[in-house]
Every structure is written in C-alpha cells, then in structure tokens.
Amino acid sequence: MVVVFWLYLGFIITPILLLAVGSVGEIWTNTLLPHGLTGRWYVDIVTDPSFQRGFVTSITVSLATCVATAIIAVPFAYALYAAAGRGWRLAARILFLLPIAAPPLVLGFGFLLVFSSETLPWMGTPGLLIAGHTVMTLPYLLQTLIADMRHQDLATLERAAESLGATLPQRLIGIILPALRHSLASGLVLVAALSIGEFQLSNLIAGFLARPYPVVLLQAFYGATGFACAGTIVLLVLALAASLTSARVGNQAANQRGVA
C-alpha cells in the first residue's frame, strides 16, 4: 500500500515539478530537462496583452459566477433540504451528480446549438460564459450548503424559531444565513477556483476578445515552451491559493462549532 501511495504521489507531482523547472528554463527542446536559467517567461506573462485580458476575464467571470451561484444556491439549497425531509432525497442526489452526468464538453455543445441561432445569438458573449460557469459550479455549492444544514440540524432550529412566531423571512435573515456563513464562504472559494480553472466549456463558448486565462494558455503551448510552463504555474498557484483558502475557512468553521 505504501508503494502504491508513493507511486501515485510521484505520478501527480512529477509533471508539476517539470512545469516549474520549464518555467525558468531558457531552452527546452527534445530533452528531459531544459537548458539555461531565466525568469523572462514570467515577465513576458505579465506584459503580454492577451494574457492580461485573459487574466482579467477569468477574475471577472469568476466573481460574477460567485455572485450568481450565491443568489441561486441559498434559496435552492433550502428548498432541497426541506424537500429531502419529505422523501425527495433522490432528486437532490441527481442534482449533485449533474457535473458528472453532463460533463462540460456536452454542456458546451448544447450551448453551441442553442445560443448560436438567430433567435438566441448570444454565443461568445461574457454573459453566456458566466451562465455556463454558474450551471457547472452550482451543484458544488449546493452540496456544501445542504451538508452544513444537515450537520447543524437546521430544521430543529427553525421549528424552535417558528414556535416563537418567527416568519420565513425572519428565519432566513436571523437563523439560516448566519448559520451558513462559513459553508457559504468556503463553497464560494471553491466555486471561484473551479471557474478560474475551467477550460472545456470556456474553449467552446468564449468569444475571441473575452477568452479566459486557461483558453489563452492553450495557445501559448504552440509557441515557446517556457512561456507556456510559466503561464501554467501561475494558474496552478491561483488554484492552490483558492483551495487552501477554502480549506482554511472550513477548518475555522469546524473549530468555532467545536468550541460552541
């Protein structure tokens, strides 16, 4: 088992290490490791106009996706949580499995068919890209919120508040939202990470002037290898920062509940 673990870990880490080495290598052609040492690839990434636009587009789409998913997920999660108590657990499970049942490539082809028509000529618009990312990331935030509702036994808290005369809006503002603040924050960081790193759907529906960072990164691999490696490392750092932030928020929430 230990050997399998180290083989698996090496299989994951080795490509990342090679990317890191390649991002500071001067020349890398038909050799296992690059020759020379340079930092100019990172300078080129910062100064390249296409990468600047791609980075801004990814951050903008990610933030908009977070807002959209938060607005949709909180009431939707509450409805699914209440429905699950009435025997609708199968519907909730199907919703959680949607990212697997409908992969980004399938969703992208569906968007191509629907939104490239004369009736709905929205293909290539930032709004459609945000909508696509929202559809893809919504189940992850829903699962986080519903799991937190079950963990806190939110139904018992609501019944206690309802017995004291609290209306649904009062329970939403005074109980539900404060109880979900940590899981909502952690889930939104995960949504941001998924949105920033998403490629398949974005590559199919993004417009030329609104291509997110991963799509622009693909074009770099047809040019200088070091440039592409540096761009990939930047994307990896963003993803790791988002993942660590999500984990930290989740741990803080768990510690606070343990103290309480």
C-alpha atoms as a PDB file:
ATOM      1  CA  MET A   1       0.000   0.000   0.000  1.00  0.00           C
ATOM      2  CA  VAL A   2       2.854   2.380   0.831  1.00  0.00           C
ATOM      3  CA  VAL A   3       4.483   1.725  -2.534  1.00  0.00           C
ATOM      4  CA  VAL A   4       1.212   2.417  -4.349  1.00  0.00           C
ATOM      5  CA  PHE A   5       0.819   5.663  -2.427  1.00  0.00           C
ATOM      6  CA  TRP A   6       4.306   6.910  -3.335  1.00  0.00           C
ATOM      7  CA  LEU A   7       3.846   5.883  -6.968  1.00  0.00           C
ATOM      8  CA  TYR A   8       0.575   7.767  -7.114  1.00  0.00           C
ATOM      9  CA  LEU A   9       2.105  10.812  -5.413  1.00  0.00           C
ATOM     10  CA  GLY A  10       5.045  10.768  -7.816  1.00  0.00           C
ATOM     11  CA  PHE A  11       2.703  10.472 -10.778  1.00  0.00           C
ATOM     12  CA  ILE A  12       0.938  13.655  -9.659  1.00  0.00           C
ATOM     13  CA  ILE A  13       3.906  15.708  -8.526  1.00  0.00           C
ATOM     14  CA  THR A  14       6.386  14.901 -11.333  1.00  0.00           C
ATOM     15  CA  PRO A  15       4.516  16.814 -14.100  1.00  0.00           C
ATOM     16  CA  ILE A  16       4.128  19.802 -11.774  1.00  0.00           C
ATOM     17  CA  LEU A  17       7.821  19.796 -10.960  1.00  0.00           C
ATOM     18  CA  LEU A  18       8.697  19.598 -14.660  1.00  0.00           C
ATOM     19  CA  LEU A  19       6.414  22.561 -15.351  1.00  0.00           C
ATOM     20  CA  ALA A  20       8.099  24.547 -12.578  1.00  0.00           C
ATOM     21  CA  VAL A  21      11.554  23.710 -13.963  1.00  0.00           C
ATOM     22  CA  GLY A  22      10.446  24.501 -17.503  1.00  0.00           C
ATOM     23  CA  SER A  23       9.073  27.881 -16.444  1.00  0.00           C
ATOM     24  CA  VAL A  24      12.602  29.034 -15.537  1.00  0.00           C
ATOM     25  CA  GLY A  25      14.446  27.195 -18.323  1.00  0.00           C
ATOM     26  CA  GLU A  26      15.955  29.098 -21.216  1.00  0.00           C
ATOM     27  CA  ILE A  27      15.581  26.401 -23.904  1.00  0.00           C
ATOM     28  CA  TRP A  28      13.617  23.143 -23.781  1.00  0.00           C
ATOM     29  CA  THR A  29      13.513  21.106 -26.977  1.00  0.00           C
ATOM     30  CA  ASN A  30      13.675  17.314 -27.259  1.00  0.00           C
ATOM     31  CA  THR A  31      15.381  16.904 -23.860  1.00  0.00           C
ATOM     32  CA  LEU A  32      14.187  15.658 -20.485  1.00  0.00           C
ATOM     33  CA  LEU A  33      15.132  18.932 -18.765  1.00  0.00           C
ATOM     34  CA  PRO A  34      15.572  22.469 -20.137  1.00  0.00           C
ATOM     35  CA  HIS A  35      18.910  24.201 -20.638  1.00  0.00           C
ATOM     36  CA  GLY A  36      19.818  27.523 -19.071  1.00  0.00           C
ATOM     37  CA  LEU A  37      18.102  29.553 -16.360  1.00  0.00           C
ATOM     38  CA  THR A  38      15.908  32.606 -16.857  1.00  0.00           C
ATOM     39  CA  GLY A  39      13.000  34.477 -15.340  1.00  0.00           C
ATOM     40  CA  ARG A  40      11.954  36.251 -18.515  1.00  0.00           C
ATOM     41  CA  TRP A  41       8.981  33.950 -19.129  1.00  0.00           C
ATOM     42  CA  TYR A  42       7.203  35.327 -16.077  1.00  0.00           C
ATOM     43  CA  VAL A  43       7.996  38.863 -17.199  1.00  0.00           C
ATOM     44  CA  ASP A  44       6.508  38.037 -20.601  1.00  0.00           C
ATOM     45  CA  ILE A  45       3.372  36.663 -18.939  1.00  0.00           C
ATOM     46  CA  VAL A  46       2.853  39.900 -17.001  1.00  0.00           C
ATOM     47  CA  THR A  47       3.443  42.145 -20.020  1.00  0.00           C
ATOM     48  CA  ASP A  48       1.657  40.081 -22.679  1.00  0.00           C
ATOM     49  CA  PRO A  49      -1.658  41.816 -23.650  1.00  0.00           C
ATOM     50  CA  SER A  50      -3.514  38.579 -24.402  1.00  0.00           C
ATOM     51  CA  PHE A  51      -2.614  37.115 -21.017  1.00  0.00           C
ATOM     52  CA  GLN A  52      -3.571  40.358 -19.300  1.00  0.00           C
ATOM     53  CA  ARG A  53      -7.004  40.254 -20.944  1.00  0.00           C
ATOM     54  CA  GLY A  54      -7.352  36.559 -20.169  1.00  0.00           C
ATOM     55  CA  PHE A  55      -6.476  37.061 -16.519  1.00  0.00           C
ATOM     56  CA  VAL A  56      -8.910  39.975 -16.126  1.00  0.00           C
ATOM     57  CA  THR A  57     -11.613  37.994 -17.929  1.00  0.00           C
ATOM     58  CA  SER A  58     -11.120  34.957 -15.674  1.00  0.00           C
ATOM     59  CA  ILE A  59     -11.247  37.054 -12.494  1.00  0.00           C
ATOM     60  CA  THR A  60     -14.329  38.952 -13.711  1.00  0.00           C
ATOM     61  CA  VAL A  61     -16.176  35.794 -14.760  1.00  0.00           C
ATOM     62  CA  SER A  62     -15.189  34.079 -11.515  1.00  0.00           C
ATOM     63  CA  LEU A  63     -16.516  36.918  -9.341  1.00  0.00           C
ATOM     64  CA  ALA A  64     -19.727  37.157 -11.352  1.00  0.00           C
ATOM     65  CA  THR A  65     -20.163  33.388 -11.095  1.00  0.00           C
ATOM     66  CA  CYS A  66     -19.745  33.568  -7.325  1.00  0.00           C
ATOM     67  CA  VAL A  67     -22.445  36.230  -7.068  1.00  0.00           C
ATOM     68  CA  ALA A  68     -24.825  34.311  -9.332  1.00  0.00           C
ATOM     69  CA  THR A  69     -24.325  30.979  -7.568  1.00  0.00           C
ATOM     70  CA  ALA A  70     -24.765  32.565  -4.128  1.00  0.00           C
ATOM     71  CA  ILE A  71     -28.040  34.201  -5.147  1.00  0.00           C
ATOM     72  CA  ILE A  72     -29.353  30.941  -6.611  1.00  0.00           C
ATOM     73  CA  ALA A  73     -27.821  28.391  -4.236  1.00  0.00           C
ATOM     74  CA  VAL A  74     -29.045  29.658  -0.852  1.00  0.00           C
ATOM     75  CA  PRO A  75     -32.813  29.506  -1.555  1.00  0.00           C
ATOM     76  CA  PHE A  76     -32.361  26.446  -3.793  1.00  0.00           C
ATOM     77  CA  ALA A  77     -30.401  24.584  -1.101  1.00  0.00           C
ATOM     78  CA  TYR A  78     -33.020  25.471   1.473  1.00  0.00           C
ATOM     79  CA  ALA A  79     -35.793  24.174  -0.776  1.00  0.00           C
ATOM     80  CA  LEU A  80     -33.907  20.930  -1.475  1.00  0.00           C
ATOM     81  CA  TYR A  81     -33.103  20.476   2.213  1.00  0.00           C
ATOM     82  CA  ALA A  82     -36.756  20.902   3.164  1.00  0.00           C
ATOM     83  CA  ALA A  83     -37.858  18.643   0.315  1.00  0.00           C
ATOM     84  CA  ALA A  84     -35.303  15.976   1.237  1.00  0.00           C
ATOM     85  CA  GLY A  85     -37.014  15.689   4.597  1.00  0.00           C
ATOM     86  CA  ARG A  86     -40.212  14.782   2.734  1.00  0.00           C
ATOM     87  CA  GLY A  87     -38.648  11.928   0.775  1.00  0.00           C
ATOM     88  CA  TRP A  88     -37.147  13.867  -2.162  1.00  0.00           C
ATOM     89  CA  ARG A  89     -33.566  12.733  -1.492  1.00  0.00           C
ATOM     90  CA  LEU A  90     -33.305  11.060  -4.907  1.00  0.00           C
ATOM     91  CA  ALA A  91     -33.912  14.383  -6.678  1.00  0.00           C
ATOM     92  CA  ALA A  92     -31.216  16.006  -4.551  1.00  0.00           C
ATOM     93  CA  ARG A  93     -28.735  13.219  -5.368  1.00  0.00           C
ATOM     94  CA  ILE A  94     -29.453  13.548  -9.091  1.00  0.00           C
ATOM     95  CA  LEU A  95     -28.752  17.280  -8.860  1.00  0.00           C
ATOM     96  CA  PHE A  96     -25.428  16.645  -7.122  1.00  0.00           C
ATOM     97  CA  LEU A  97     -24.414  14.181  -9.869  1.00  0.00           C
ATOM     98  CA  LEU A  98     -25.144  16.597 -12.723  1.00  0.00           C
ATOM     99  CA  PRO A  99     -21.488  17.691 -13.195  1.00  0.00           C
ATOM    100  CA  ILE A 100     -20.620  14.023 -13.788  1.00  0.00           C
ATOM    101  CA  ALA A 101     -23.705  13.100 -15.791  1.00  0.00           C
ATOM    102  CA  ALA A 102     -23.365  16.180 -18.010  1.00  0.00           C
ATOM    103  CA  PRO A 103     -19.637  16.925 -18.469  1.00  0.00           C
ATOM    104  CA  PRO A 104     -18.515  20.390 -19.644  1.00  0.00           C
ATOM    105  CA  LEU A 105     -17.997  19.198 -23.228  1.00  0.00           C
ATOM    106  CA  VAL A 106     -21.609  18.049 -23.518  1.00  0.00           C
ATOM    107  CA  LEU A 107     -22.863  21.270 -21.954  1.00  0.00           C
ATOM    108  CA  GLY A 108     -20.701  23.288 -24.333  1.00  0.00           C
ATOM    109  CA  PHE A 109     -22.064  21.546 -27.418  1.00  0.00           C
ATOM    110  CA  GLY A 110     -25.580  22.156 -26.116  1.00  0.00           C
ATOM    111  CA  PHE A 111     -24.807  25.851 -25.728  1.00  0.00           C
ATOM    112  CA  LEU A 112     -23.437  25.925 -29.267  1.00  0.00           C
ATOM    113  CA  LEU A 113     -26.676  24.522 -30.653  1.00  0.00           C
ATOM    114  CA  VAL A 114     -28.974  26.757 -28.643  1.00  0.00           C
ATOM    115  CA  PHE A 115     -27.168  30.096 -28.429  1.00  0.00           C
ATOM    116  CA  SER A 116     -25.693  30.325 -31.916  1.00  0.00           C
ATOM    117  CA  SER A 117     -29.119  30.541 -33.514  1.00  0.00           C
ATOM    118  CA  GLU A 118     -30.795  33.656 -34.896  1.00  0.00           C
ATOM    119  CA  THR A 119     -33.302  33.534 -32.065  1.00  0.00           C
ATOM    120  CA  LEU A 120     -30.649  33.495 -29.326  1.00  0.00           C
ATOM    121  CA  PRO A 121     -27.418  34.905 -30.836  1.00  0.00           C
ATOM    122  CA  TRP A 122     -25.504  35.010 -27.564  1.00  0.00           C
ATOM    123  CA  MET A 123     -22.567  32.776 -28.422  1.00  0.00           C
ATOM    124  CA  GLY A 124     -19.247  34.363 -27.463  1.00  0.00           C
ATOM    125  CA  THR A 125     -20.749  36.872 -25.014  1.00  0.00           C
ATOM    126  CA  PRO A 126     -19.420  37.254 -21.449  1.00  0.00           C
ATOM    127  CA  GLY A 127     -22.926  36.760 -20.093  1.00  0.00           C
ATOM    128  CA  LEU A 128     -23.207  33.308 -21.629  1.00  0.00           C
ATOM    129  CA  LEU A 129     -19.777  32.380 -20.248  1.00  0.00           C
ATOM    130  CA  ILE A 130     -20.882  33.423 -16.758  1.00  0.00           C
ATOM    131  CA  ALA A 131     -24.118  31.467 -17.151  1.00  0.00           C
ATOM    132  CA  GLY A 132     -22.194  28.367 -18.216  1.00  0.00           C
ATOM    133  CA  HIS A 133     -19.821  28.592 -15.268  1.00  0.00           C
ATOM    134  CA  THR A 134     -22.787  29.099 -12.933  1.00  0.00           C
ATOM    135  CA  VAL A 135     -24.501  25.953 -14.194  1.00  0.00           C
ATOM    136  CA  MET A 136     -21.296  23.956 -13.771  1.00  0.00           C
ATOM    137  CA  THR A 137     -20.376  25.150 -10.275  1.00  0.00           C
ATOM    138  CA  LEU A 138     -23.843  25.462  -8.708  1.00  0.00           C
ATOM    139  CA  PRO A 139     -24.118  21.775  -7.651  1.00  0.00           C
ATOM    140  CA  TYR A 140     -20.854  22.007  -5.703  1.00  0.00           C
ATOM    141  CA  LEU A 141     -22.075  24.967  -3.670  1.00  0.00           C
ATOM    142  CA  LEU A 142     -25.472  23.321  -3.177  1.00  0.00           C
ATOM    143  CA  GLN A 143     -23.860  20.191  -1.813  1.00  0.00           C
ATOM    144  CA  THR A 144     -21.743  22.230   0.609  1.00  0.00           C
ATOM    145  CA  LEU A 145     -24.734  24.192   1.886  1.00  0.00           C
ATOM    146  CA  ILE A 146     -27.069  21.208   2.258  1.00  0.00           C
ATOM    147  CA  ALA A 147     -24.402  19.179   4.058  1.00  0.00           C
ATOM    148  CA  ASP A 148     -23.960  22.075   6.504  1.00  0.00           C
ATOM    149  CA  MET A 149     -27.729  22.333   7.014  1.00  0.00           C
ATOM    150  CA  ARG A 150     -27.876  18.641   7.922  1.00  0.00           C
ATOM    151  CA  HIS A 151     -24.835  18.876  10.160  1.00  0.00           C
ATOM    152  CA  GLN A 152     -26.330  21.751  12.136  1.00  0.00           C
ATOM    153  CA  ASP A 153     -29.816  20.203  12.177  1.00  0.00           C
ATOM    154  CA  LEU A 154     -31.201  23.464  10.853  1.00  0.00           C
ATOM    155  CA  ALA A 155     -34.768  22.107  10.817  1.00  0.00           C
ATOM    156  CA  THR A 156     -34.781  21.902  14.639  1.00  0.00           C
ATOM    157  CA  LEU A 157     -33.574  25.487  14.950  1.00  0.00           C
ATOM    158  CA  GLU A 158     -36.232  26.625  12.522  1.00  0.00           C
ATOM    159  CA  ARG A 159     -39.009  24.824  14.354  1.00  0.00           C
ATOM    160  CA  ALA A 160     -37.927  26.470  17.602  1.00  0.00           C
ATOM    161  CA  ALA A 161     -37.955  29.911  15.950  1.00  0.00           C
ATOM    162  CA  GLU A 162     -41.275  29.210  14.253  1.00  0.00           C
ATOM    163  CA  SER A 163     -42.832  28.234  17.577  1.00  0.00           C
ATOM    164  CA  LEU A 164     -41.855  31.677  18.854  1.00  0.00           C
ATOM    165  CA  GLY A 165     -43.662  33.334  15.939  1.00  0.00           C
ATOM    166  CA  ALA A 166     -40.770  33.958  13.533  1.00  0.00           C
ATOM    167  CA  THR A 167     -41.808  34.238   9.890  1.00  0.00           C
ATOM    168  CA  LEU A 168     -39.874  32.690   6.992  1.00  0.00           C
ATOM    169  CA  PRO A 169     -38.065  35.974   6.093  1.00  0.00           C
ATOM    170  CA  GLN A 170     -37.155  36.425   9.767  1.00  0.00           C
ATOM    171  CA  ARG A 171     -35.832  32.872   9.987  1.00  0.00           C
ATOM    172  CA  LEU A 172     -33.882  33.362   6.762  1.00  0.00           C
ATOM    173  CA  ILE A 173     -32.178  36.534   7.973  1.00  0.00           C
ATOM    174  CA  GLY A 174     -31.823  35.650  11.637  1.00  0.00           C
ATOM    175  CA  ILE A 175     -31.031  31.915  11.536  1.00  0.00           C
ATOM    176  CA  ILE A 176     -30.356  30.412   8.110  1.00  0.00           C
ATOM    177  CA  LEU A 177     -27.914  32.935   6.639  1.00  0.00           C
ATOM    178  CA  PRO A 178     -25.835  33.377   9.834  1.00  0.00           C
ATOM    179  CA  ALA A 179     -25.678  29.599  10.290  1.00  0.00           C
ATOM    180  CA  LEU A 180     -24.477  29.095   6.711  1.00  0.00           C
ATOM    181  CA  ARG A 181     -21.948  31.932   6.560  1.00  0.00           C
ATOM    182  CA  HIS A 182     -18.881  29.688   6.892  1.00  0.00           C
ATOM    183  CA  SER A 183     -20.025  26.988   4.464  1.00  0.00           C
ATOM    184  CA  LEU A 184     -21.157  29.678   2.018  1.00  0.00           C
ATOM    185  CA  ALA A 185     -17.750  31.372   2.154  1.00  0.00           C
ATOM    186  CA  SER A 186     -15.915  28.062   1.786  1.00  0.00           C
ATOM    187  CA  GLY A 187     -18.176  26.969  -1.065  1.00  0.00           C
ATOM    188  CA  LEU A 188     -17.757  30.250  -2.926  1.00  0.00           C
ATOM    189  CA  VAL A 189     -13.977  29.951  -2.770  1.00  0.00           C
ATOM    190  CA  LEU A 190     -14.348  26.508  -4.333  1.00  0.00           C
ATOM    191  CA  VAL A 191     -16.655  27.971  -6.990  1.00  0.00           C
ATOM    192  CA  ALA A 192     -14.051  30.641  -7.767  1.00  0.00           C
ATOM    193  CA  ALA A 193     -11.308  28.020  -8.095  1.00  0.00           C
ATOM    194  CA  LEU A 194     -13.412  25.860 -10.416  1.00  0.00           C
ATOM    195  CA  SER A 195     -14.377  28.861 -12.537  1.00  0.00           C
ATOM    196  CA  ILE A 196     -10.815  30.140 -12.908  1.00  0.00           C
ATOM    197  CA  GLY A 197      -9.514  26.724 -13.950  1.00  0.00           C
ATOM    198  CA  GLU A 198     -12.393  25.732 -16.240  1.00  0.00           C
ATOM    199  CA  PHE A 199     -11.318  25.080 -19.832  1.00  0.00           C
ATOM    200  CA  GLN A 200     -13.561  22.729 -21.838  1.00  0.00           C
ATOM    201  CA  LEU A 201     -16.767  24.750 -21.733  1.00  0.00           C
ATOM    202  CA  SER A 202     -14.953  28.086 -21.990  1.00  0.00           C
ATOM    203  CA  ASN A 203     -13.000  26.963 -25.045  1.00  0.00           C
ATOM    204  CA  LEU A 204     -16.257  26.226 -26.868  1.00  0.00           C
ATOM    205  CA  ILE A 205     -18.352  29.266 -25.994  1.00  0.00           C
ATOM    206  CA  ALA A 206     -15.937  32.118 -25.201  1.00  0.00           C
ATOM    207  CA  GLY A 207     -15.560  34.958 -27.694  1.00  0.00           C
ATOM    208  CA  PHE A 208     -12.171  35.884 -29.131  1.00  0.00           C
ATOM    209  CA  LEU A 209     -11.885  39.103 -27.117  1.00  0.00           C
ATOM    210  CA  ALA A 210     -13.284  37.523 -23.942  1.00  0.00           C
ATOM    211  CA  ARG A 211     -11.214  34.360 -23.687  1.00  0.00           C
ATOM    212  CA  PRO A 212     -10.474  33.353 -20.082  1.00  0.00           C
ATOM    213  CA  TYR A 213      -6.984  32.557 -18.884  1.00  0.00           C
ATOM    214  CA  PRO A 214      -6.986  28.754 -19.494  1.00  0.00           C
ATOM    215  CA  VAL A 215      -8.078  29.223 -23.109  1.00  0.00           C
ATOM    216  CA  VAL A 216      -5.330  31.781 -23.733  1.00  0.00           C
ATOM    217  CA  LEU A 217      -2.897  29.415 -22.040  1.00  0.00           C
ATOM    218  CA  LEU A 218      -3.644  26.694 -24.591  1.00  0.00           C
ATOM    219  CA  GLN A 219      -2.489  28.983 -27.392  1.00  0.00           C
ATOM    220  CA  ALA A 220       0.825  29.517 -25.584  1.00  0.00           C
ATOM    221  CA  PHE A 221       1.741  25.841 -25.904  1.00  0.00           C
ATOM    222  CA  TYR A 222       2.002  26.301 -29.655  1.00  0.00           C
ATOM    223  CA  GLY A 223       4.766  28.857 -29.061  1.00  0.00           C
ATOM    224  CA  ALA A 224       7.592  28.956 -26.523  1.00  0.00           C
ATOM    225  CA  THR A 225       7.553  26.050 -24.071  1.00  0.00           C
ATOM    226  CA  GLY A 226       8.943  28.103 -21.172  1.00  0.00           C
ATOM    227  CA  PHE A 227       6.280  30.745 -21.715  1.00  0.00           C
ATOM    228  CA  ALA A 228       3.542  28.092 -21.571  1.00  0.00           C
ATOM    229  CA  CYS A 229       5.058  26.496 -18.467  1.00  0.00           C
ATOM    230  CA  ALA A 230       5.173  29.851 -16.679  1.00  0.00           C
ATOM    231  CA  GLY A 231       1.536  30.510 -17.566  1.00  0.00           C
ATOM    232  CA  THR A 232       0.547  27.091 -16.238  1.00  0.00           C
ATOM    233  CA  ILE A 233       2.388  27.671 -12.963  1.00  0.00           C
ATOM    234  CA  VAL A 234       0.523  30.964 -12.496  1.00  0.00           C
ATOM    235  CA  LEU A 235      -2.788  29.140 -12.983  1.00  0.00           C
ATOM    236  CA  LEU A 236      -1.691  26.404 -10.580  1.00  0.00           C
ATOM    237  CA  VAL A 237      -0.759  28.947  -7.909  1.00  0.00           C
ATOM    238  CA  LEU A 238      -4.187  30.574  -8.221  1.00  0.00           C
ATOM    239  CA  ALA A 239      -5.922  27.202  -7.890  1.00  0.00           C
ATOM    240  CA  LEU A 240      -3.818  26.199  -4.872  1.00  0.00           C
ATOM    241  CA  ALA A 241      -4.423  29.546  -3.171  1.00  0.00           C
ATOM    242  CA  ALA A 242      -8.177  29.142  -3.646  1.00  0.00           C
ATOM    243  CA  SER A 243      -8.122  25.549  -2.377  1.00  0.00           C
ATOM    244  CA  LEU A 244      -6.084  26.441   0.709  1.00  0.00           C
ATOM    245  CA  THR A 245      -8.387  29.371   1.454  1.00  0.00           C
ATOM    246  CA  SER A 246     -11.448  27.124   1.167  1.00  0.00           C
ATOM    247  CA  ALA A 247      -9.886  24.534   3.477  1.00  0.00           C
ATOM    248  CA  ARG A 248      -8.895  27.200   5.990  1.00  0.00           C
ATOM    249  CA  VAL A 249     -12.390  28.676   6.091  1.00  0.00           C
ATOM    250  CA  GLY A 250     -13.836  25.204   6.563  1.00  0.00           C
ATOM    251  CA  ASN A 251     -11.428  24.417   9.412  1.00  0.00           C
ATOM    252  CA  GLN A 252     -12.182  27.700  11.141  1.00  0.00           C
ATOM    253  CA  ALA A 253     -15.889  26.951  10.924  1.00  0.00           C
ATOM    254  CA  ALA A 254     -15.386  23.463  12.369  1.00  0.00           C
ATOM    255  CA  ASN A 255     -13.239  24.820  15.225  1.00  0.00           C
ATOM    256  CA  GLN A 256     -15.748  27.503  16.115  1.00  0.00           C
ATOM    257  CA  ARG A 257     -18.571  24.968  16.214  1.00  0.00           C
ATOM    258  CA  GLY A 258     -16.437  22.672  18.350  1.00  0.00           C
ATOM    259  CA  VAL A 259     -15.849  25.468  20.849  1.00  0.00           C
ATOM    260  CA  ALA A 260     -19.513  26.390  20.816  1.00  0.00           C
END
